[in-house]
Amino acid sequence: MARLDGQVVFVRHALPGERARIRITERRKKYLRADAIEIIRASEHRITPACPYAGRCGGCDFQHVNSAHQRELLAGIVVEHMARIAKIDVDVRIEAADPDDYAWRTRSDFAVAPDGRLGFRAHRSHEVVPVEDCRIAPANLPDVLEHTWDASFVRTVMTSTGQRVVITDARTPPQVEADAVIAGDAPKNHRGNRVHERVHDTEFEIHATGFWQVHPQAAEILVDAVSEAAAVRPGQRIADLYAGAGLFSVFLARAAGPSGSLVSIESNPDAVQDARRNLAAYAWARCHRGPVERLLPRLDTTFDTVVLDPPRAGAKAAIEAIVATGAHRIVYVACDPAALARDTASLLAHGYRLDQLRGFQLFPMTHHVECVAAFTRRDKSG
């Protein structure tokens, strides 16, 4: 962030403390956006991007920043949002995943250029930047980039069990090296195609087009962080909200045991179907389909612990219902620190305290950061 004639400017491809020549790319009433086109005085944390498309492709923000400093920048984002929105000071260290730089993105959505080549859209643009290689994609990426496509999208999926799947709306896709090519319709219509993911010693079956964490270590890292924060004991009543395919639900249900109970709530019908399949061995677990803010009050029950992993918009609509469950502990998994800070402010106002906040760099070379926050209800003495 810089200032130009008193106006805030958000400068892409620059670093704090640098002196740069910039090009204004967008003008708004309260701020400007710009690209750094020449670095006059460079930061000690600046590196030469390994990717030849850095600066043109809109997929990565931090190709010019060393990995350790990327985590410092991410920590600063979390701290700033918590101070500005939640009005609390936090000390957070962003934990790295392996790999912490390249070859990590197990799921990629490619755009198709007018000439049929695959690429990614430029930053804040519909323009497609064709690429011959993606440095953050794994080495075993199906050879989709070697072909031209008569399609509007191409998605690649590489699972932790070794499956390699290509999904596209091309009627006659090129011959690519993959275990399966799902073609011909929009992704939502490919409901009969499933893949398998493994987390620790547990295997999950999900729709090929369904949501799963994209970093190969992300699922295990988040399961471990949530399990530690939730500290579920046998016999406890657990709610898993925005539960997806049941990633957290399975481990939470296992910890609660048959003397306890688990309720999962998810609005996506395919994910609910996956969750029911993945939770089939746990008779004390129940899956419900629908919006959390609508279904949770209808359950008419209390919970010992609530776990939630909402979309980027956060859980604003459901906070009242979550608080009404009387949960002693709330574990919040967040992909947007601003939404987390806003919902943290609401939970603090409802008598909870923030006990723990952890951040994880699960999207290296980008500004995205994943957080796990643990809250407990304050007793009447405060």
Protein backbone atom coordinates (compact mmCIF):
# COMPACT_ATOMS: atom_id res chain seq x y z
CA MET A 1 0.00 0.00 0.00
CA ALA A 2 1.30 3.42 -0.93
CA ARG A 3 -0.02 6.97 -1.05
CA LEU A 4 -0.07 9.19 -4.08
CA ASP A 5 -1.08 12.82 -3.56
CA GLY A 6 -2.80 11.76 -0.34
CA GLN A 7 -4.77 8.93 -1.96
CA VAL A 8 -4.32 5.25 -1.03
CA VAL A 9 -2.81 3.12 -3.80
CA PHE A 10 -2.74 -0.68 -3.75
CA VAL A 11 0.36 -1.64 -5.72
CA ARG A 12 0.61 -5.14 -7.12
CA HIS A 13 4.11 -6.71 -7.43
CA ALA A 14 5.69 -4.30 -4.94
CA LEU A 15 6.89 -4.89 -1.37
CA PRO A 16 6.78 -2.72 1.75
CA GLY A 17 9.70 -0.30 1.87
CA GLU A 18 10.41 -0.43 -1.85
CA ARG A 19 10.60 2.55 -4.15
CA ALA A 20 8.91 1.83 -7.45
CA ARG A 21 7.57 3.37 -10.62
CA ILE A 22 3.94 2.38 -10.99
CA ARG A 23 1.17 2.33 -13.58
CA ILE A 24 -2.35 3.13 -12.40
CA THR A 25 -4.70 0.34 -13.50
CA GLU A 26 -7.93 1.30 -11.75
CA ARG A 27 -9.32 4.47 -10.23
CA ARG A 28 -11.94 4.42 -7.47
CA LYS A 29 -13.30 7.24 -5.35
CA LYS A 30 -11.47 6.08 -2.20
CA TYR A 31 -8.41 4.33 -3.64
CA LEU A 32 -6.37 3.49 -6.71
CA ARG A 33 -4.96 0.20 -7.96
CA ALA A 34 -1.60 0.00 -9.70
CA ASP A 35 1.12 -2.31 -10.98
CA ALA A 36 4.79 -1.82 -10.23
CA ILE A 37 6.54 -1.53 -13.59
CA GLU A 38 10.03 -0.70 -12.32
CA ILE A 39 11.65 -1.33 -8.95
CA ILE A 40 13.99 1.54 -8.16
CA ARG A 41 14.95 0.42 -4.64
CA ALA A 42 14.32 -3.27 -3.97
CA SER A 43 13.44 -5.00 -0.70
CA GLU A 44 15.88 -7.52 0.72
CA HIS A 45 13.03 -10.03 0.53
CA ARG A 46 12.59 -9.67 -3.23
CA ILE A 47 13.56 -12.62 -5.43
CA THR A 48 13.53 -13.21 -9.17
CA PRO A 49 10.29 -15.02 -10.03
CA ALA A 50 10.83 -18.59 -11.20
CA CYS A 51 7.66 -18.40 -13.27
CA PRO A 52 7.97 -16.77 -16.71
CA TYR A 53 4.34 -15.63 -16.50
CA ALA A 54 4.69 -13.77 -13.20
CA GLY A 55 3.26 -10.29 -13.56
CA ARG A 56 0.94 -11.29 -16.40
CA CYS A 57 -0.95 -14.30 -15.05
CA GLY A 58 -3.40 -13.38 -12.30
CA GLY A 59 -2.98 -16.61 -10.36
CA CYS A 60 -0.03 -15.77 -8.09
CA ASP A 61 0.62 -12.61 -6.09
CA PHE A 62 3.96 -13.36 -4.41
CA GLN A 63 6.24 -14.90 -7.04
CA HIS A 64 8.65 -12.03 -6.32
CA VAL A 65 8.80 -12.68 -2.54
CA ASN A 66 10.84 -15.31 -0.71
CA SER A 67 8.77 -17.94 1.10
CA ALA A 68 9.65 -16.89 4.65
CA HIS A 69 8.68 -13.27 4.00
CA GLN A 70 5.46 -14.37 2.34
CA ARG A 71 4.46 -15.82 5.71
CA GLU A 72 5.41 -12.57 7.46
CA LEU A 73 3.20 -10.65 5.04
CA LEU A 74 0.32 -13.07 5.63
CA ALA A 75 0.71 -12.69 9.38
CA GLY A 76 0.54 -8.92 8.96
CA ILE A 77 -2.72 -9.26 7.04
CA VAL A 78 -4.30 -11.32 9.83
CA VAL A 79 -3.03 -9.00 12.59
CA GLU A 80 -4.22 -5.89 10.75
CA HIS A 81 -7.73 -7.26 10.14
CA MET A 82 -8.09 -8.38 13.75
CA ALA A 83 -7.00 -4.98 15.03
CA ARG A 84 -9.10 -2.92 12.62
CA ILE A 85 -12.29 -5.01 12.57
CA ALA A 86 -12.34 -7.09 15.77
CA LYS A 87 -10.53 -4.40 17.82
CA ILE A 88 -8.16 -6.92 19.41
CA ASP A 89 -4.42 -7.39 19.26
CA VAL A 90 -3.28 -10.87 18.29
CA ASP A 91 0.09 -12.48 17.86
CA VAL A 92 0.00 -14.98 15.03
CA ARG A 93 2.73 -16.91 13.25
CA ILE A 94 1.93 -18.37 9.85
CA GLU A 95 2.92 -22.03 9.70
CA ALA A 96 4.34 -23.46 6.49
CA ALA A 97 3.18 -26.52 4.60
CA ASP A 98 5.41 -28.75 2.48
CA PRO A 99 5.98 -27.72 -0.25
CA ASP A 100 6.03 -24.04 0.66
CA ASP A 101 6.77 -22.71 -2.79
CA TYR A 102 5.98 -24.63 -6.00
CA ALA A 103 4.30 -27.84 -7.25
CA TRP A 104 1.48 -27.84 -4.73
CA ARG A 105 -1.82 -27.08 -6.46
CA THR A 106 -3.61 -30.43 -6.86
CA ARG A 107 -6.72 -28.86 -8.42
CA SER A 108 -6.51 -26.30 -11.20
CA ASP A 109 -9.11 -24.57 -13.34
CA PHE A 110 -7.74 -23.51 -16.70
CA ALA A 111 -9.31 -20.88 -18.92
CA VAL A 112 -9.33 -21.37 -22.68
CA ALA A 113 -7.90 -18.69 -24.98
CA PRO A 114 -9.59 -17.91 -28.33
CA ASP A 115 -7.01 -20.07 -30.13
CA GLY A 116 -7.74 -23.06 -27.88
CA ARG A 117 -4.63 -22.84 -25.72
CA LEU A 118 -5.03 -23.18 -21.96
CA GLY A 119 -3.99 -20.53 -19.48
CA PHE A 120 -5.14 -18.35 -16.63
CA ARG A 121 -6.90 -15.03 -16.56
CA ALA A 122 -4.90 -11.87 -16.03
CA HIS A 123 -5.39 -10.05 -12.73
CA ARG A 124 -8.88 -8.51 -12.51
CA SER A 125 -9.43 -9.22 -16.22
CA HIS A 126 -11.17 -11.64 -18.58
CA GLU A 127 -8.06 -11.80 -20.75
CA VAL A 128 -6.56 -15.29 -20.89
CA VAL A 129 -2.79 -15.58 -20.56
CA PRO A 130 -1.81 -18.87 -22.30
CA VAL A 131 0.81 -20.90 -20.43
CA GLU A 132 3.01 -23.83 -21.36
CA ASP A 133 3.81 -24.66 -17.75
CA CYS A 134 2.43 -23.81 -14.30
CA ARG A 135 5.05 -23.78 -11.54
CA ILE A 136 2.54 -24.21 -8.71
CA ALA A 137 0.94 -27.26 -10.36
CA PRO A 138 2.42 -30.68 -9.44
CA ALA A 139 4.91 -32.46 -11.68
CA ASN A 140 2.38 -35.17 -12.53
CA LEU A 141 -0.14 -32.72 -13.98
CA PRO A 142 -1.99 -34.38 -16.89
CA ASP A 143 -0.63 -33.11 -20.20
CA VAL A 144 -3.54 -30.75 -20.79
CA LEU A 145 -1.23 -27.82 -21.59
CA GLU A 146 0.20 -29.63 -24.61
CA HIS A 147 -3.13 -29.57 -26.46
CA THR A 148 -5.64 -27.09 -27.81
CA TRP A 149 -9.20 -27.34 -26.61
CA ASP A 150 -12.62 -26.68 -28.07
CA ALA A 151 -14.03 -25.96 -24.64
CA SER A 152 -14.84 -23.18 -22.20
CA PHE A 153 -13.01 -24.73 -19.24
CA VAL A 154 -10.59 -27.52 -18.31
CA ARG A 155 -10.12 -28.69 -14.73
CA THR A 156 -7.43 -31.05 -13.48
CA VAL A 157 -7.65 -33.08 -10.27
CA MET A 158 -4.75 -35.02 -8.71
CA THR A 159 -5.75 -36.87 -5.57
CA SER A 160 -3.71 -38.02 -2.59
CA THR A 161 -4.40 -41.61 -3.66
CA GLY A 162 -2.77 -41.04 -7.05
CA GLN A 163 -5.82 -40.50 -9.28
CA ARG A 164 -5.43 -38.07 -12.18
CA VAL A 165 -8.69 -36.73 -13.58
CA VAL A 166 -9.50 -34.15 -16.25
CA ILE A 167 -12.92 -32.48 -16.34
CA THR A 168 -14.06 -30.38 -19.27
CA ASP A 169 -17.13 -29.37 -21.26
CA ALA A 170 -15.40 -30.28 -24.53
CA ARG A 171 -17.54 -32.66 -26.54
CA THR A 172 -14.50 -34.29 -28.12
CA PRO A 173 -11.52 -33.63 -25.83
CA PRO A 174 -7.99 -34.36 -27.04
CA GLN A 175 -6.25 -37.55 -25.94
CA VAL A 176 -4.58 -36.71 -22.65
CA GLU A 177 -2.65 -38.85 -20.19
CA ALA A 178 -5.03 -39.22 -17.24
CA ASP A 179 -6.86 -41.94 -15.35
CA ALA A 180 -10.18 -40.44 -16.38
CA VAL A 181 -11.47 -37.70 -18.65
CA ILE A 182 -14.96 -36.48 -17.77
CA ALA A 183 -16.29 -34.51 -20.71
CA GLY A 184 -19.33 -33.14 -22.40
CA ASP A 185 -21.39 -31.28 -19.81
CA ALA A 186 -21.06 -28.72 -17.06
CA PRO A 187 -19.20 -30.04 -13.98
CA LYS A 188 -22.35 -30.12 -11.86
CA ASN A 189 -23.76 -32.83 -14.11
CA HIS A 190 -20.89 -35.25 -13.53
CA ARG A 191 -22.40 -36.63 -10.35
CA GLY A 192 -21.61 -40.27 -11.02
CA ASN A 193 -17.85 -39.71 -11.07
CA ARG A 194 -16.03 -39.95 -7.75
CA VAL A 195 -12.44 -39.87 -6.57
CA HIS A 196 -10.73 -40.98 -3.38
CA GLU A 197 -8.67 -38.90 -0.98
CA ARG A 198 -6.72 -40.14 2.03
CA VAL A 199 -6.16 -38.22 5.27
CA HIS A 200 -3.91 -40.02 7.74
CA ASP A 201 -5.36 -43.55 7.80
CA THR A 202 -8.82 -42.57 6.60
CA GLU A 203 -10.08 -42.65 3.02
CA PHE A 204 -12.75 -40.29 1.71
CA GLU A 205 -14.90 -40.69 -1.38
CA ILE A 206 -16.04 -37.46 -3.01
CA HIS A 207 -17.49 -36.25 -6.28
CA ALA A 208 -14.74 -35.55 -8.78
CA THR A 209 -16.02 -31.99 -9.13
CA GLY A 210 -16.54 -31.50 -5.40
CA PHE A 211 -14.55 -29.25 -3.08
CA TRP A 212 -11.35 -30.53 -1.51
CA GLN A 213 -8.34 -28.70 -0.15
CA VAL A 214 -5.89 -27.98 -2.98
CA HIS A 215 -2.56 -28.21 -1.14
CA PRO A 216 -1.51 -31.87 -0.70
CA GLN A 217 -0.86 -31.36 3.03
CA ALA A 218 -3.80 -29.05 3.73
CA ALA A 219 -6.39 -31.65 4.71
CA GLU A 220 -4.13 -33.30 7.29
CA ILE A 221 -2.86 -29.98 8.63
CA LEU A 222 -6.37 -28.64 9.13
CA VAL A 223 -7.73 -31.89 10.58
CA ASP A 224 -4.91 -31.91 13.12
CA ALA A 225 -5.41 -28.22 13.98
CA VAL A 226 -9.18 -28.59 14.36
CA SER A 227 -8.88 -31.80 16.38
CA GLU A 228 -6.40 -30.16 18.76
CA ALA A 229 -8.51 -27.03 19.15
CA ALA A 230 -11.81 -28.90 19.57
CA ALA A 231 -10.35 -31.40 22.08
CA VAL A 232 -13.46 -33.57 21.74
CA ARG A 233 -14.03 -36.14 24.48
CA PRO A 234 -16.16 -39.30 24.31
CA GLY A 235 -19.81 -38.60 24.94
CA GLN A 236 -19.79 -35.00 23.77
CA ARG A 237 -22.30 -33.45 21.35
CA ILE A 238 -20.64 -31.93 18.29
CA ALA A 239 -21.92 -29.80 15.41
CA ASP A 240 -19.90 -29.50 12.20
CA LEU A 241 -21.21 -26.59 10.13
CA TYR A 242 -20.53 -25.92 6.46
CA ALA A 243 -19.27 -29.48 6.71
CA GLY A 244 -18.63 -30.27 3.05
CA ALA A 245 -17.86 -33.91 2.35
CA GLY A 246 -17.21 -34.62 6.02
CA LEU A 247 -13.47 -33.98 6.32
CA PHE A 248 -13.72 -32.79 9.92
CA SER A 249 -16.94 -34.68 10.71
CA VAL A 250 -15.31 -38.10 10.44
CA PHE A 251 -12.54 -37.30 12.93
CA LEU A 252 -14.89 -35.42 15.27
CA ALA A 253 -17.41 -38.29 15.25
CA ARG A 254 -14.64 -40.76 15.94
CA ALA A 255 -13.49 -38.69 18.94
CA ALA A 256 -17.03 -38.31 20.33
CA GLY A 257 -17.63 -42.05 20.06
CA PRO A 258 -20.93 -43.95 20.19
CA SER A 259 -21.79 -42.37 23.55
CA GLY A 260 -21.68 -38.95 21.88
CA SER A 261 -23.27 -37.46 18.79
CA LEU A 262 -22.36 -35.46 15.72
CA VAL A 263 -24.53 -33.33 13.48
CA SER A 264 -23.20 -32.03 10.17
CA ILE A 265 -24.90 -29.31 8.14
CA GLU A 266 -24.05 -28.51 4.53
CA SER A 267 -26.04 -26.84 1.74
CA ASN A 268 -24.40 -28.45 -1.31
CA PRO A 269 -26.36 -31.60 -2.24
CA ASP A 270 -23.38 -33.46 -3.70
CA ALA A 271 -21.27 -32.72 -0.62
CA VAL A 272 -24.06 -33.94 1.67
CA GLN A 273 -24.26 -37.15 -0.31
CA ASP A 274 -20.49 -37.56 0.05
CA ALA A 275 -20.64 -36.81 3.78
CA ARG A 276 -23.30 -39.44 4.35
CA ARG A 277 -21.17 -41.98 2.54
CA ASN A 278 -18.03 -41.03 4.47
CA LEU A 279 -19.86 -41.08 7.81
CA ALA A 280 -21.69 -44.36 7.18
CA ALA A 281 -19.63 -46.20 9.79
CA TYR A 282 -20.66 -43.76 12.54
CA ALA A 283 -24.25 -44.46 13.56
CA TRP A 284 -24.21 -41.52 15.97
CA ALA A 285 -23.58 -39.03 13.14
CA ARG A 286 -26.38 -37.30 11.23
CA CYS A 287 -26.11 -35.19 8.07
CA HIS A 288 -28.51 -32.38 7.25
CA ARG A 289 -28.80 -30.48 3.98
CA GLY A 290 -29.57 -26.78 3.94
CA PRO A 291 -28.37 -23.34 5.05
CA VAL A 292 -26.78 -23.36 8.49
CA GLU A 293 -28.67 -20.28 9.67
CA ARG A 294 -32.00 -21.94 8.86
CA LEU A 295 -31.37 -25.54 9.92
CA LEU A 296 -29.36 -25.07 13.11
CA PRO A 297 -32.20 -23.43 15.09
CA ARG A 298 -34.57 -26.21 14.00
CA LEU A 299 -32.44 -28.89 15.65
CA ASP A 300 -33.60 -27.65 19.06
CA THR A 301 -30.56 -29.04 20.81
CA THR A 302 -27.42 -27.85 22.55
CA PHE A 303 -23.85 -28.74 21.69
CA ASP A 304 -20.63 -28.96 23.62
CA THR A 305 -18.53 -27.93 20.63
CA VAL A 306 -19.31 -26.27 17.30
CA VAL A 307 -16.86 -26.47 14.38
CA LEU A 308 -17.46 -24.31 11.33
CA ASP A 309 -15.67 -23.88 8.02
CA PRO A 310 -17.73 -21.27 6.15
CA PRO A 311 -17.12 -19.93 2.64
CA ARG A 312 -15.14 -16.72 2.10
CA ALA A 313 -18.14 -14.59 3.06
CA GLY A 314 -17.94 -15.99 6.59
CA ALA A 315 -20.73 -16.98 8.97
CA LYS A 316 -22.41 -13.63 9.69
CA ALA A 317 -25.91 -14.99 9.01
CA ALA A 318 -25.40 -17.94 11.36
CA ILE A 319 -23.63 -16.38 14.35
CA GLU A 320 -26.83 -15.89 16.36
CA ALA A 321 -27.86 -19.51 15.79
CA ILE A 322 -24.37 -20.77 16.69
CA VAL A 323 -24.32 -18.80 19.93
CA ALA A 324 -27.84 -20.06 20.76
CA THR A 325 -26.55 -23.66 20.83
CA GLY A 326 -24.81 -22.86 24.10
CA ALA A 327 -21.56 -24.39 22.86
CA HIS A 328 -18.73 -24.02 25.35
CA ARG A 329 -16.17 -24.21 22.53
CA ILE A 330 -16.26 -22.91 18.96
CA VAL A 331 -13.59 -23.78 16.40
CA TYR A 332 -13.66 -21.57 13.31
CA VAL A 333 -11.76 -22.44 10.11
CA ALA A 334 -11.43 -19.36 7.91
CA CYS A 335 -10.11 -18.73 4.42
CA ASP A 336 -10.69 -14.96 4.65
CA PRO A 337 -9.16 -13.10 7.61
CA ALA A 338 -11.50 -10.13 7.15
CA ALA A 339 -14.59 -12.32 7.51
CA LEU A 340 -12.98 -14.09 10.46
CA ALA A 341 -12.27 -10.76 12.15
CA ARG A 342 -15.86 -9.60 11.65
CA ASP A 343 -17.27 -12.84 13.07
CA THR A 344 -14.74 -12.76 15.89
CA ALA A 345 -16.09 -9.36 16.91
CA SER A 346 -19.59 -10.86 17.01
CA LEU A 347 -18.51 -13.84 19.11
CA LEU A 348 -16.66 -11.60 21.55
CA ALA A 349 -19.79 -9.49 21.91
CA HIS A 350 -21.76 -12.67 22.69
CA GLY A 351 -19.52 -13.63 25.60
CA TYR A 352 -16.80 -15.71 23.98
CA ARG A 353 -13.07 -15.19 24.21
CA LEU A 354 -10.46 -15.97 21.58
CA ASP A 355 -8.12 -18.58 23.08
CA GLN A 356 -6.03 -19.53 20.08
CA LEU A 357 -5.39 -18.33 16.55
CA ARG A 358 -3.22 -20.23 14.10
CA GLY A 359 -2.45 -19.32 10.51
CA PHE A 360 -1.31 -21.60 7.70
CA GLN A 361 0.31 -20.90 4.35
CA LEU A 362 -1.69 -23.41 2.31
CA PHE A 363 -1.62 -21.36 -0.91
CA PRO A 364 2.07 -20.51 -1.47
CA MET A 365 2.86 -17.65 -3.84
CA THR A 366 -0.59 -16.11 -3.19
CA HIS A 367 -2.05 -13.69 -0.64
CA HIS A 368 -4.50 -16.32 0.65
CA VAL A 369 -4.11 -17.56 4.21
CA GLU A 370 -6.04 -20.18 6.17
CA CYS A 371 -6.74 -19.64 9.86
CA VAL A 372 -8.04 -21.82 12.69
CA ALA A 373 -9.45 -19.89 15.64
CA ALA A 374 -10.60 -21.42 18.94
CA PHE A 375 -13.12 -19.67 21.16
CA THR A 376 -14.54 -20.59 24.58
CA ARG A 377 -17.55 -19.17 26.34
CA ARG A 378 -16.64 -16.95 29.28
CA ASP A 379 -18.25 -17.85 32.60
CA LYS A 380 -20.37 -15.30 34.43
CA SER A 381 -17.35 -14.02 36.32
CA GLY A 382 -15.74 -13.09 32.98
